[in-house]
Amino acid sequence: MSVLTYLHAALRARLAELAGDRGDSPVPTAVIIFGLVTVALAVTAAALLAAENWMDAIPGPPAN
């Protein structure tokens, strides 16, 4: 009976260790990275649009 009690206590202790805080899950990290990529793409698109509009506003060479 003492072996059964020992195994029971050892199992409970091991399960308590496993159920402890394991840190942050990878899901919030992936969501943050996805958000940063989205913002970076939006900023890049806005800069590209501004540059194209600026270049289009420059007058061409004079016609002869």
Foldseek 3Di string as FASTA:
>chain_A
DVVVVVVVVVVVVVVVVVPDDPDDDCVVVVVVVVVVVVVVVVVVVVVVVVVVVVVVPDDDDDDD
